[in-house]
């Protein structure tokens, strides 16, 4: 097994460094690097944990349009066991920058450890929580995509980000190009709408820093 280093992720919340090292041996974990722009295979029957870099889950529609379903950063977890479609060929993972991924067979996580290790049970509980969180995130994304206009989509997205950060100020997790893909609109049209929203005092954006003033 390759040598691995502990990763900050909610999958391993409550697990010490020593317990993590023991589990990696028990789980027969492997690590694989990917270059920027390289497609990352969707793991089947395995869980992937992003150790470094960023990876996007992208869907291509019938017309070739891109929608970013999720952007995974260090500690992000993915795999068919976490609600990713197993056979949907229109979904794929793309490395946004050089990255490395830790892979663990799903059965090693969910099967009962012979020693009934507490930390193993903790990881199983964390996995269930992650599945619930991803379901919630998908619901929020579908809520944004269901809005009819570009402005409505942006207002819904900014409102959710402000609520999550409990502040009118927050940082976009990705570029404006990726934001357009996430809300599934044309980038040029989105930029024009953002300009109008800025003129109306609804939003101020400097690089990825946003100040959002919701309409009254």
C-alpha atoms as a PDB file:
ATOM      1  CA  UNK A   1       0.000   0.000   0.000  1.00  0.00           C
ATOM      2  CA  UNK A   2       1.208   3.518  -0.776  1.00  0.00           C
ATOM      3  CA  UNK A   3       2.095   5.751   2.114  1.00  0.00           C
ATOM      4  CA  UNK A   4      -0.736   8.168   2.833  1.00  0.00           C
ATOM      5  CA  UNK A   5      -1.119  11.260   4.964  1.00  0.00           C
ATOM      6  CA  UNK A   6      -4.221  12.136   6.985  1.00  0.00           C
ATOM      7  CA  UNK A   7      -6.745  14.205   5.045  1.00  0.00           C
ATOM      8  CA  UNK A   8      -9.032  16.810   6.551  1.00  0.00           C
ATOM      9  CA  UNK A   9     -12.508  15.557   5.654  1.00  0.00           C
ATOM     10  CA  UNK A  10     -15.758  14.970   7.468  1.00  0.00           C
ATOM     11  CA  UNK A  11     -15.436  11.288   6.522  1.00  0.00           C
ATOM     12  CA  UNK A  12     -12.724  11.012   9.188  1.00  0.00           C
ATOM     13  CA  UNK A  13     -14.165  13.387  11.800  1.00  0.00           C
ATOM     14  CA  UNK A  14     -13.468  12.015  15.279  1.00  0.00           C
ATOM     15  CA  UNK A  15     -10.628   9.752  14.085  1.00  0.00           C
ATOM     16  CA  UNK A  16      -7.121  10.302  15.487  1.00  0.00           C
ATOM     17  CA  UNK A  17      -3.966  10.260  13.369  1.00  0.00           C
ATOM     18  CA  UNK A  18      -2.957   6.874  14.783  1.00  0.00           C
ATOM     19  CA  UNK A  19      -6.420   5.412  14.121  1.00  0.00           C
ATOM     20  CA  UNK A  20      -6.348   6.880  10.601  1.00  0.00           C
ATOM     21  CA  UNK A  21      -3.023   5.180   9.821  1.00  0.00           C
ATOM     22  CA  UNK A  22      -4.348   1.828  11.069  1.00  0.00           C
ATOM     23  CA  UNK A  23      -7.531   2.174   9.026  1.00  0.00           C
ATOM     24  CA  UNK A  24      -5.636   2.949   5.811  1.00  0.00           C
ATOM     25  CA  UNK A  25      -3.839  -0.384   6.158  1.00  0.00           C
ATOM     26  CA  UNK A  26      -7.068  -2.204   7.005  1.00  0.00           C
ATOM     27  CA  UNK A  27      -8.923  -0.518   4.109  1.00  0.00           C
ATOM     28  CA  UNK A  28      -6.136  -1.268   1.581  1.00  0.00           C
ATOM     29  CA  UNK A  29      -6.285   2.389   0.509  1.00  0.00           C
ATOM     30  CA  UNK A  30      -4.489   3.649  -2.600  1.00  0.00           C
ATOM     31  CA  UNK A  31      -3.590   7.129  -3.822  1.00  0.00           C
ATOM     32  CA  UNK A  32      -3.532   8.290  -7.449  1.00  0.00           C
ATOM     33  CA  UNK A  33      -2.411  11.654  -8.882  1.00  0.00           C
ATOM     34  CA  UNK A  34      -4.178  13.476 -11.735  1.00  0.00           C
ATOM     35  CA  UNK A  35      -3.014  16.390 -13.867  1.00  0.00           C
ATOM     36  CA  UNK A  36      -5.014  19.580 -14.511  1.00  0.00           C
ATOM     37  CA  UNK A  37      -7.569  18.963 -17.268  1.00  0.00           C
ATOM     38  CA  UNK A  38      -7.422  15.185 -16.855  1.00  0.00           C
ATOM     39  CA  UNK A  39     -10.649  13.219 -16.477  1.00  0.00           C
ATOM     40  CA  UNK A  40     -10.913  11.452 -13.124  1.00  0.00           C
ATOM     41  CA  UNK A  41     -12.637   8.046 -13.442  1.00  0.00           C
ATOM     42  CA  UNK A  42     -15.877   7.727 -11.502  1.00  0.00           C
ATOM     43  CA  UNK A  43     -15.128   5.088  -8.851  1.00  0.00           C
ATOM     44  CA  UNK A  44     -17.424   2.079  -8.885  1.00  0.00           C
ATOM     45  CA  UNK A  45     -17.856   0.448  -5.491  1.00  0.00           C
ATOM     46  CA  UNK A  46     -15.224   2.771  -4.082  1.00  0.00           C
ATOM     47  CA  UNK A  47     -15.092   6.084  -2.240  1.00  0.00           C
ATOM     48  CA  UNK A  48     -12.698   8.781  -3.448  1.00  0.00           C
ATOM     49  CA  UNK A  49     -11.317  11.443  -1.084  1.00  0.00           C
ATOM     50  CA  UNK A  50      -9.600  14.500  -2.593  1.00  0.00           C
ATOM     51  CA  UNK A  51      -6.224  14.856  -0.880  1.00  0.00           C
ATOM     52  CA  UNK A  52      -5.123  17.963  -2.759  1.00  0.00           C
ATOM     53  CA  UNK A  53      -6.344  20.138  -5.620  1.00  0.00           C
ATOM     54  CA  UNK A  54      -9.877  20.549  -6.976  1.00  0.00           C
ATOM     55  CA  UNK A  55     -12.174  18.310  -9.008  1.00  0.00           C
ATOM     56  CA  UNK A  56     -15.500  19.204 -10.626  1.00  0.00           C
ATOM     57  CA  UNK A  57     -18.440  16.890 -11.233  1.00  0.00           C
ATOM     58  CA  UNK A  58     -19.795  17.972 -14.626  1.00  0.00           C
ATOM     59  CA  UNK A  59     -22.902  17.018 -16.602  1.00  0.00           C
ATOM     60  CA  UNK A  60     -23.156  17.449 -20.369  1.00  0.00           C
ATOM     61  CA  UNK A  61     -26.665  17.911 -21.753  1.00  0.00           C
ATOM     62  CA  UNK A  62     -27.939  16.790 -25.143  1.00  0.00           C
ATOM     63  CA  UNK A  63     -26.900  20.105 -26.712  1.00  0.00           C
ATOM     64  CA  UNK A  64     -23.380  19.956 -25.326  1.00  0.00           C
ATOM     65  CA  UNK A  65     -24.022  22.462 -22.531  1.00  0.00           C
ATOM     66  CA  UNK A  66     -22.020  22.059 -19.313  1.00  0.00           C
ATOM     67  CA  UNK A  67     -23.433  22.153 -15.805  1.00  0.00           C
ATOM     68  CA  UNK A  68     -21.147  21.914 -12.787  1.00  0.00           C
ATOM     69  CA  UNK A  69     -22.975  19.759 -10.258  1.00  0.00           C
ATOM     70  CA  UNK A  70     -20.351  20.004  -7.562  1.00  0.00           C
ATOM     71  CA  UNK A  71     -16.804  21.228  -7.025  1.00  0.00           C
ATOM     72  CA  UNK A  72     -14.749  19.042  -4.706  1.00  0.00           C
ATOM     73  CA  UNK A  73     -11.825  20.525  -2.796  1.00  0.00           C
ATOM     74  CA  UNK A  74      -9.356  19.003  -0.345  1.00  0.00           C
ATOM     75  CA  UNK A  75     -11.296  16.588   1.843  1.00  0.00           C
ATOM     76  CA  UNK A  76     -14.160  16.329  -0.677  1.00  0.00           C
ATOM     77  CA  UNK A  77     -15.656  12.855  -0.990  1.00  0.00           C
ATOM     78  CA  UNK A  78     -17.201  11.252  -4.080  1.00  0.00           C
ATOM     79  CA  UNK A  79     -18.277   7.877  -5.435  1.00  0.00           C
ATOM     80  CA  UNK A  80     -21.377   5.983  -6.537  1.00  0.00           C
ATOM     81  CA  UNK A  81     -22.092   5.080  -2.903  1.00  0.00           C
ATOM     82  CA  UNK A  82     -22.599   8.795  -2.213  1.00  0.00           C
ATOM     83  CA  UNK A  83     -25.372   9.304  -4.715  1.00  0.00           C
ATOM     84  CA  UNK A  84     -23.336   9.757  -7.913  1.00  0.00           C
ATOM     85  CA  UNK A  85     -25.034   8.111 -10.871  1.00  0.00           C
ATOM     86  CA  UNK A  86     -23.394   4.760 -11.639  1.00  0.00           C
ATOM     87  CA  UNK A  87     -24.331   4.491 -15.304  1.00  0.00           C
ATOM     88  CA  UNK A  88     -24.988   8.083 -16.405  1.00  0.00           C
ATOM     89  CA  UNK A  89     -22.433   8.623 -19.188  1.00  0.00           C
ATOM     90  CA  UNK A  90     -23.263  12.360 -19.279  1.00  0.00           C
ATOM     91  CA  UNK A  91     -21.618  12.804 -15.870  1.00  0.00           C
ATOM     92  CA  UNK A  92     -17.867  12.973 -15.498  1.00  0.00           C
ATOM     93  CA  UNK A  93     -15.190  14.225 -13.099  1.00  0.00           C
ATOM     94  CA  UNK A  94     -12.533  16.698 -14.268  1.00  0.00           C
ATOM     95  CA  UNK A  95      -9.393  17.829 -12.429  1.00  0.00           C
ATOM     96  CA  UNK A  96      -9.527  21.643 -12.228  1.00  0.00           C
ATOM     97  CA  UNK A  97      -5.869  21.622 -11.148  1.00  0.00           C
ATOM     98  CA  UNK A  98      -3.187  19.058 -10.324  1.00  0.00           C
ATOM     99  CA  UNK A  99      -4.653  16.848  -7.617  1.00  0.00           C
ATOM    100  CA  UNK A 100      -4.411  13.520  -5.824  1.00  0.00           C
ATOM    101  CA  UNK A 101      -7.202  11.192  -4.721  1.00  0.00           C
ATOM    102  CA  UNK A 102      -7.307   8.596  -1.954  1.00  0.00           C
ATOM    103  CA  UNK A 103      -9.419   5.563  -2.920  1.00  0.00           C
ATOM    104  CA  UNK A 104     -11.060   3.163  -0.449  1.00  0.00           C
ATOM    105  CA  UNK A 105     -13.251   0.187  -1.344  1.00  0.00           C
ATOM    106  CA  UNK A 106     -16.761   0.908  -0.116  1.00  0.00           C
ATOM    107  CA  UNK A 107     -17.122  -2.595   1.358  1.00  0.00           C
ATOM    108  CA  UNK A 108     -14.106  -2.002   3.600  1.00  0.00           C
ATOM    109  CA  UNK A 109     -15.890   0.986   5.120  1.00  0.00           C
ATOM    110  CA  UNK A 110     -19.303  -0.532   5.708  1.00  0.00           C
ATOM    111  CA  UNK A 111     -18.386  -4.085   6.668  1.00  0.00           C
ATOM    112  CA  UNK A 112     -18.146  -4.706  10.404  1.00  0.00           C
ATOM    113  CA  UNK A 113     -14.584  -4.634  11.694  1.00  0.00           C
ATOM    114  CA  UNK A 114     -13.639  -7.929  13.451  1.00  0.00           C
ATOM    115  CA  UNK A 115     -12.259  -5.868  16.326  1.00  0.00           C
ATOM    116  CA  UNK A 116     -15.407  -3.722  16.532  1.00  0.00           C
ATOM    117  CA  UNK A 117     -13.182  -0.614  16.441  1.00  0.00           C
ATOM    118  CA  UNK A 118     -14.946   2.513  17.638  1.00  0.00           C
ATOM    119  CA  UNK A 119     -13.236   4.640  14.990  1.00  0.00           C
ATOM    120  CA  UNK A 120     -14.532   2.321  12.250  1.00  0.00           C
ATOM    121  CA  UNK A 121     -18.084   2.843  13.483  1.00  0.00           C
ATOM    122  CA  UNK A 122     -17.387   6.597  13.537  1.00  0.00           C
ATOM    123  CA  UNK A 123     -16.427   6.544   9.840  1.00  0.00           C
ATOM    124  CA  UNK A 124     -19.621   4.641   8.949  1.00  0.00           C
ATOM    125  CA  UNK A 125     -21.685   7.247  10.823  1.00  0.00           C
ATOM    126  CA  UNK A 126     -19.792  10.023   9.016  1.00  0.00           C
ATOM    127  CA  UNK A 127     -20.491   8.356   5.658  1.00  0.00           C
ATOM    128  CA  UNK A 128     -24.229   8.306   6.363  1.00  0.00           C
ATOM    129  CA  UNK A 129     -24.050  11.995   7.306  1.00  0.00           C
ATOM    130  CA  UNK A 130     -22.168  12.789   4.089  1.00  0.00           C
ATOM    131  CA  UNK A 131     -24.836  11.066   2.021  1.00  0.00           C
ATOM    132  CA  UNK A 132     -27.475  13.211   3.719  1.00  0.00           C
ATOM    133  CA  UNK A 133     -25.462  16.398   3.114  1.00  0.00           C
ATOM    134  CA  UNK A 134     -24.975  15.588  -0.565  1.00  0.00           C
ATOM    135  CA  UNK A 135     -28.697  14.960  -0.943  1.00  0.00           C
ATOM    136  CA  UNK A 136     -29.339  18.389   0.588  1.00  0.00           C
ATOM    137  CA  UNK A 137     -26.755  20.019  -1.713  1.00  0.00           C
ATOM    138  CA  UNK A 138     -28.385  18.409  -4.763  1.00  0.00           C
ATOM    139  CA  UNK A 139     -31.775  19.682  -3.628  1.00  0.00           C
ATOM    140  CA  UNK A 140     -30.386  23.225  -3.347  1.00  0.00           C
ATOM    141  CA  UNK A 141     -28.788  23.006  -6.780  1.00  0.00           C
ATOM    142  CA  UNK A 142     -32.029  21.807  -8.356  1.00  0.00           C
ATOM    143  CA  UNK A 143     -33.804  24.704  -6.667  1.00  0.00           C
ATOM    144  CA  UNK A 144     -31.416  27.125  -8.406  1.00  0.00           C
ATOM    145  CA  UNK A 145     -31.729  25.398 -11.786  1.00  0.00           C
ATOM    146  CA  UNK A 146     -35.523  25.461 -11.553  1.00  0.00           C
ATOM    147  CA  UNK A 147     -35.568  29.288 -11.620  1.00  0.00           C
ATOM    148  CA  UNK A 148     -36.612  30.689 -14.997  1.00  0.00           C
ATOM    149  CA  UNK A 149     -34.330  33.706 -15.524  1.00  0.00           C
ATOM    150  CA  UNK A 150     -30.613  34.358 -15.092  1.00  0.00           C
ATOM    151  CA  UNK A 151     -31.341  36.943 -12.393  1.00  0.00           C
ATOM    152  CA  UNK A 152     -33.574  34.543 -10.466  1.00  0.00           C
ATOM    153  CA  UNK A 153     -30.876  31.847 -10.606  1.00  0.00           C
ATOM    154  CA  UNK A 154     -28.194  34.266  -9.384  1.00  0.00           C
ATOM    155  CA  UNK A 155     -30.386  35.671  -6.627  1.00  0.00           C
ATOM    156  CA  UNK A 156     -31.186  32.140  -5.418  1.00  0.00           C
ATOM    157  CA  UNK A 157     -27.502  31.176  -5.463  1.00  0.00           C
ATOM    158  CA  UNK A 158     -26.303  34.341  -3.710  1.00  0.00           C
ATOM    159  CA  UNK A 159     -29.064  34.031  -1.112  1.00  0.00           C
ATOM    160  CA  UNK A 160     -27.993  30.468  -0.304  1.00  0.00           C
ATOM    161  CA  UNK A 161     -24.331  31.462  -0.040  1.00  0.00           C
ATOM    162  CA  UNK A 162     -25.140  34.413   2.229  1.00  0.00           C
ATOM    163  CA  UNK A 163     -27.275  32.151   4.442  1.00  0.00           C
ATOM    164  CA  UNK A 164     -24.516  29.521   4.681  1.00  0.00           C
ATOM    165  CA  UNK A 165     -21.916  32.149   5.576  1.00  0.00           C
ATOM    166  CA  UNK A 166     -24.347  34.064   7.803  1.00  0.00           C
ATOM    167  CA  UNK A 167     -23.082  37.237   6.204  1.00  0.00           C
ATOM    168  CA  UNK A 168     -23.708  39.492   3.238  1.00  0.00           C
ATOM    169  CA  UNK A 169     -20.030  39.029   2.439  1.00  0.00           C
ATOM    170  CA  UNK A 170     -18.731  35.732   1.082  1.00  0.00           C
ATOM    171  CA  UNK A 171     -16.235  34.299  -1.383  1.00  0.00           C
ATOM    172  CA  UNK A 172     -17.273  32.455  -4.525  1.00  0.00           C
ATOM    173  CA  UNK A 173     -15.932  28.883  -4.471  1.00  0.00           C
ATOM    174  CA  UNK A 174     -15.108  29.068  -8.177  1.00  0.00           C
ATOM    175  CA  UNK A 175     -14.561  31.442 -11.117  1.00  0.00           C
ATOM    176  CA  UNK A 176     -17.338  33.321 -12.919  1.00  0.00           C
ATOM    177  CA  UNK A 177     -16.986  30.917 -15.844  1.00  0.00           C
ATOM    178  CA  UNK A 178     -17.606  28.003 -13.491  1.00  0.00           C
ATOM    179  CA  UNK A 179     -20.440  29.928 -11.815  1.00  0.00           C
ATOM    180  CA  UNK A 180     -22.146  30.212 -15.215  1.00  0.00           C
ATOM    181  CA  UNK A 181     -21.753  26.462 -15.658  1.00  0.00           C
ATOM    182  CA  UNK A 182     -23.089  25.856 -12.136  1.00  0.00           C
ATOM    183  CA  UNK A 183     -26.278  27.889 -12.661  1.00  0.00           C
ATOM    184  CA  UNK A 184     -26.460  26.607 -16.270  1.00  0.00           C
ATOM    185  CA  UNK A 185     -26.496  29.919 -18.179  1.00  0.00           C
ATOM    186  CA  UNK A 186     -24.417  31.583 -20.900  1.00  0.00           C
ATOM    187  CA  UNK A 187     -21.400  33.318 -19.335  1.00  0.00           C
ATOM    188  CA  UNK A 188     -21.686  36.512 -21.400  1.00  0.00           C
ATOM    189  CA  UNK A 189     -25.370  36.853 -20.580  1.00  0.00           C
ATOM    190  CA  UNK A 190     -24.608  36.224 -16.893  1.00  0.00           C
ATOM    191  CA  UNK A 191     -21.914  38.923 -16.855  1.00  0.00           C
ATOM    192  CA  UNK A 192     -24.346  41.426 -18.364  1.00  0.00           C
ATOM    193  CA  UNK A 193     -26.939  40.526 -15.723  1.00  0.00           C
ATOM    194  CA  UNK A 194     -24.357  40.872 -12.937  1.00  0.00           C
ATOM    195  CA  UNK A 195     -23.483  44.321 -14.283  1.00  0.00           C
ATOM    196  CA  UNK A 196     -27.148  45.353 -14.113  1.00  0.00           C
ATOM    197  CA  UNK A 197     -27.468  43.916 -10.600  1.00  0.00           C
ATOM    198  CA  UNK A 198     -24.387  45.895  -9.577  1.00  0.00           C
ATOM    199  CA  UNK A 199     -25.882  49.118 -10.968  1.00  0.00           C
ATOM    200  CA  UNK A 200     -29.033  48.435  -8.933  1.00  0.00           C
ATOM    201  CA  UNK A 201     -27.003  47.926  -5.757  1.00  0.00           C
ATOM    202  CA  UNK A 202     -27.842  44.239  -5.391  1.00  0.00           C
ATOM    203  CA  UNK A 203     -24.359  42.815  -5.663  1.00  0.00           C
ATOM    204  CA  UNK A 204     -20.715  43.901  -5.651  1.00  0.00           C
ATOM    205  CA  UNK A 205     -18.079  41.481  -6.917  1.00  0.00           C
ATOM    206  CA  UNK A 206     -14.323  41.981  -6.755  1.00  0.00           C
ATOM    207  CA  UNK A 207     -12.533  38.938  -8.101  1.00  0.00           C
ATOM    208  CA  UNK A 208     -14.318  36.203  -6.121  1.00  0.00           C
ATOM    209  CA  UNK A 209     -15.320  38.383  -3.153  1.00  0.00           C
ATOM    210  CA  UNK A 210     -19.036  39.160  -3.080  1.00  0.00           C
ATOM    211  CA  UNK A 211     -21.200  41.599  -1.167  1.00  0.00           C
ATOM    212  CA  UNK A 212     -24.853  40.675  -1.610  1.00  0.00           C
ATOM    213  CA  UNK A 213     -27.760  42.967  -0.777  1.00  0.00           C
ATOM    214  CA  UNK A 214     -31.001  41.031  -1.323  1.00  0.00           C
ATOM    215  CA  UNK A 215     -33.877  42.924  -2.960  1.00  0.00           C
ATOM    216  CA  UNK A 216     -36.509  44.268  -0.610  1.00  0.00           C
END
